[in-house]
Amino acid sequence: NGRVVAAVSPTVYAPAMGAVTLKVAAGATVRKGDVLAEIESPDLRDALKREESTYEQMEAELARQRILARKQELLARRDADTAEIERVSAQRTYDRIEKAGLAGVVAKIDFAKAQDALKSAEIRSAHAVKAAALESDDVALELKTKAAQVARQKLVVDYARRRVDELAVRAPVAGFVGSLAV
């Protein structure tokens, strides 16, 4: 007569509280990774659903932000293009008045006004181009920030999913189930 004691005799514990459903009986043979018990934890499952919902909402916000970014860039580009068209128009007007002024046909005040209009259009055009570049940088930064928030929320969802997956208590080694105590 004798008693056999296993070299490895692990005790498994549940990662959370909840209602337990046993999947094996004492004396059953199990392989590593077999489900021994499942725990029903409404709190963890609700937390996972909540985090998944938040993640989906943040993904939608990121998509919306991308659309808004394209809109803002288009508006800034449109303003820059409009300012460039005004500059070219002022340049043409100035060139015509300059030629007419050399012939003595145009008054000096009109010539000065054309010069001022050209200079003003050049300044507006330069500022519009710089504003478009700044808008592009601002939009890129906003998108990067939103993408980082979505990535962070993805990690939170993965963590919650991992915790829910741990509700299925698995056999750490192959062998026999010695006893069950819940």
Protein backbone atom coordinates (compact mmCIF):
# COMPACT_ATOMS: atom_id res chain seq x y z
CA ASN A 1 0.00 0.00 0.00
CA GLY A 2 1.20 3.46 -0.72
CA ARG A 3 0.27 6.96 -1.71
CA VAL A 4 1.29 8.59 -5.01
CA VAL A 5 1.83 12.34 -4.94
CA ALA A 6 2.17 14.29 -8.18
CA ALA A 7 5.37 16.25 -8.74
CA VAL A 8 3.31 19.14 -10.09
CA SER A 9 0.05 19.73 -8.32
CA PRO A 10 -1.16 23.20 -9.29
CA THR A 11 -4.14 24.90 -7.73
CA VAL A 12 -6.04 27.18 -10.09
CA TYR A 13 -7.95 30.26 -9.02
CA ALA A 14 -10.56 32.38 -10.72
CA PRO A 15 -9.45 35.85 -11.84
CA ALA A 16 -12.80 37.40 -10.85
CA MET A 17 -15.87 36.74 -8.78
CA GLY A 18 -18.99 35.37 -10.38
CA ALA A 19 -21.16 32.32 -10.92
CA VAL A 20 -19.02 29.24 -11.67
CA THR A 21 -19.95 26.49 -14.11
CA LEU A 22 -17.68 23.46 -13.78
CA LYS A 23 -16.75 21.78 -17.07
CA VAL A 24 -14.95 18.73 -15.58
CA ALA A 25 -15.45 16.36 -12.70
CA ALA A 26 -12.94 15.13 -10.13
CA GLY A 27 -10.83 12.34 -11.62
CA ALA A 28 -11.23 13.57 -15.21
CA THR A 29 -8.25 13.54 -17.53
CA VAL A 30 -7.35 16.96 -18.94
CA ARG A 31 -4.80 18.33 -21.36
CA LYS A 32 -2.97 21.60 -20.94
CA GLY A 33 -5.31 24.41 -21.96
CA ASP A 34 -8.60 22.49 -21.49
CA VAL A 35 -11.38 24.55 -19.92
CA LEU A 36 -11.96 23.43 -16.33
CA ALA A 37 -14.59 25.98 -15.36
CA GLU A 38 -16.29 29.07 -16.72
CA ILE A 39 -17.13 32.08 -14.62
CA GLU A 40 -20.03 34.35 -15.45
CA SER A 41 -19.00 37.88 -14.48
CA PRO A 42 -21.50 40.48 -15.70
CA ASP A 43 -19.26 43.29 -14.45
CA LEU A 44 -16.31 42.28 -16.63
CA ARG A 45 -18.49 41.58 -19.67
CA ASP A 46 -20.23 44.94 -19.29
CA ALA A 47 -16.87 46.67 -18.92
CA LEU A 48 -15.70 45.01 -22.15
CA LYS A 49 -18.85 46.11 -24.01
CA ARG A 50 -18.45 49.64 -22.65
CA GLU A 51 -14.81 49.85 -23.75
CA GLU A 52 -15.63 48.38 -27.18
CA SER A 53 -18.38 50.96 -27.61
CA THR A 54 -16.00 53.76 -26.63
CA TYR A 55 -13.42 52.40 -29.08
CA GLU A 56 -15.95 52.33 -31.94
CA GLN A 57 -17.02 55.87 -31.08
CA MET A 58 -13.41 57.05 -31.09
CA GLU A 59 -12.78 55.37 -34.45
CA ALA A 60 -15.81 57.21 -35.86
CA GLU A 61 -14.48 60.48 -34.41
CA LEU A 62 -11.11 59.82 -36.03
CA ALA A 63 -12.80 59.23 -39.39
CA ARG A 64 -14.80 62.44 -38.91
CA GLN A 65 -11.60 64.28 -37.98
CA ARG A 66 -9.97 63.05 -41.20
CA ILE A 67 -12.87 64.45 -43.21
CA LEU A 68 -12.72 67.76 -41.33
CA ALA A 69 -8.97 67.85 -41.88
CA ARG A 70 -9.40 67.48 -45.62
CA LYS A 71 -12.07 70.21 -45.56
CA GLN A 72 -9.83 72.58 -43.62
CA GLU A 73 -6.93 71.94 -45.95
CA LEU A 74 -9.16 72.54 -48.97
CA LEU A 75 -10.46 75.80 -47.50
CA ALA A 76 -6.94 76.99 -46.72
CA ARG A 77 -5.76 76.00 -50.21
CA ARG A 78 -8.78 77.77 -51.73
CA ASP A 79 -7.96 80.94 -49.81
CA ALA A 80 -4.34 80.74 -50.95
CA ASP A 81 -5.40 80.18 -54.57
CA THR A 82 -7.88 83.06 -54.41
CA ALA A 83 -5.20 85.35 -53.00
CA GLU A 84 -2.84 84.27 -55.79
CA ILE A 85 -5.50 85.02 -58.42
CA GLU A 86 -6.02 88.47 -56.88
CA ARG A 87 -2.25 89.03 -56.94
CA VAL A 88 -2.00 88.06 -60.60
CA SER A 89 -4.97 90.32 -61.43
CA ALA A 90 -3.39 93.22 -59.52
CA GLN A 91 -0.09 92.57 -61.35
CA ARG A 92 -1.84 92.77 -64.73
CA THR A 93 -3.66 95.95 -63.74
CA TYR A 94 -0.41 97.45 -62.53
CA ASP A 95 1.39 96.50 -65.76
CA ARG A 96 -1.36 98.14 -67.87
CA ILE A 97 -1.38 101.31 -65.77
CA GLU A 98 2.43 101.42 -65.76
CA LYS A 99 2.53 101.32 -69.57
CA ALA A 100 -0.20 103.92 -69.80
CA GLY A 101 1.53 106.04 -67.11
CA LEU A 102 4.77 106.11 -69.08
CA ALA A 103 2.81 107.44 -72.04
CA GLY A 104 1.30 110.08 -69.74
CA VAL A 105 -2.28 108.84 -70.19
CA VAL A 106 -2.93 107.83 -66.53
CA ALA A 107 -2.88 110.12 -63.52
CA LYS A 108 -0.13 109.60 -60.95
CA ILE A 109 -2.74 108.88 -58.25
CA ASP A 110 -4.14 105.98 -60.28
CA PHE A 111 -0.62 104.68 -60.79
CA ALA A 112 0.05 104.87 -57.02
CA LYS A 113 -3.27 103.11 -56.29
CA ALA A 114 -2.31 100.29 -58.68
CA GLN A 115 1.06 99.98 -56.95
CA ASP A 116 -0.64 99.81 -53.54
CA ALA A 117 -3.19 97.26 -54.78
CA LEU A 118 -0.38 95.08 -56.19
CA LYS A 119 1.65 95.26 -52.98
CA SER A 120 -1.44 94.47 -50.88
CA ALA A 121 -2.31 91.49 -53.12
CA GLU A 122 1.27 90.20 -52.88
CA ILE A 123 1.18 90.41 -49.09
CA ARG A 124 -2.24 88.67 -48.89
CA SER A 125 -1.02 85.95 -51.23
CA ALA A 126 2.14 85.30 -49.19
CA HIS A 127 0.15 85.20 -45.94
CA ALA A 128 -2.47 82.89 -47.43
CA VAL A 129 0.23 80.43 -48.56
CA LYS A 130 1.81 80.46 -45.08
CA ALA A 131 -1.62 80.10 -43.43
CA ALA A 132 -2.37 77.09 -45.65
CA ALA A 133 0.90 75.46 -44.58
CA LEU A 134 0.16 76.14 -40.90
CA GLU A 135 -3.35 74.78 -41.30
CA SER A 136 -1.92 71.62 -42.83
CA ASP A 137 0.46 71.21 -39.87
CA ASP A 138 -2.35 71.86 -37.38
CA VAL A 139 -4.60 69.32 -39.07
CA ALA A 140 -1.81 66.71 -39.11
CA LEU A 141 -1.21 67.23 -35.39
CA GLU A 142 -4.92 66.90 -34.58
CA LEU A 143 -5.11 63.67 -36.59
CA LYS A 144 -2.02 62.31 -34.85
CA THR A 145 -3.54 63.11 -31.44
CA LYS A 146 -6.86 61.43 -32.33
CA ALA A 147 -5.04 58.39 -33.71
CA ALA A 148 -3.04 58.10 -30.47
CA GLN A 149 -6.27 58.27 -28.45
CA VAL A 150 -7.79 55.52 -30.60
CA ALA A 151 -4.67 53.37 -30.17
CA ARG A 152 -4.79 53.87 -26.40
CA GLN A 153 -8.46 52.89 -26.33
CA LYS A 154 -7.62 49.79 -28.39
CA LEU A 155 -5.20 48.76 -25.63
CA VAL A 156 -7.95 49.25 -23.04
CA VAL A 157 -10.30 47.07 -25.11
CA ASP A 158 -7.62 44.40 -25.49
CA TYR A 159 -7.05 44.40 -21.72
CA ALA A 160 -10.79 44.09 -21.02
CA ARG A 161 -11.08 41.29 -23.61
CA ARG A 162 -8.14 39.48 -22.00
CA ARG A 163 -9.83 39.72 -18.59
CA VAL A 164 -13.07 38.31 -20.03
CA ASP A 165 -11.13 35.51 -21.75
CA GLU A 166 -9.57 34.65 -18.39
CA LEU A 167 -13.06 33.86 -17.09
CA ALA A 168 -12.58 30.45 -18.72
CA VAL A 169 -10.30 28.76 -16.17
CA ARG A 170 -7.92 26.50 -18.11
CA ALA A 171 -5.75 23.60 -17.07
CA PRO A 172 -2.15 24.80 -16.61
CA VAL A 173 -0.76 21.27 -17.16
CA ALA A 174 -1.92 17.92 -18.51
CA GLY A 175 -3.04 15.35 -15.96
CA PHE A 176 -5.95 14.35 -13.78
CA VAL A 177 -8.29 16.59 -11.83
CA GLY A 178 -7.71 15.72 -8.19
CA SER A 179 -10.51 17.61 -6.52
CA LEU A 180 -12.86 20.51 -7.12
CA ALA A 181 -13.58 23.20 -4.57
CA VAL A 182 -15.64 26.24 -5.39
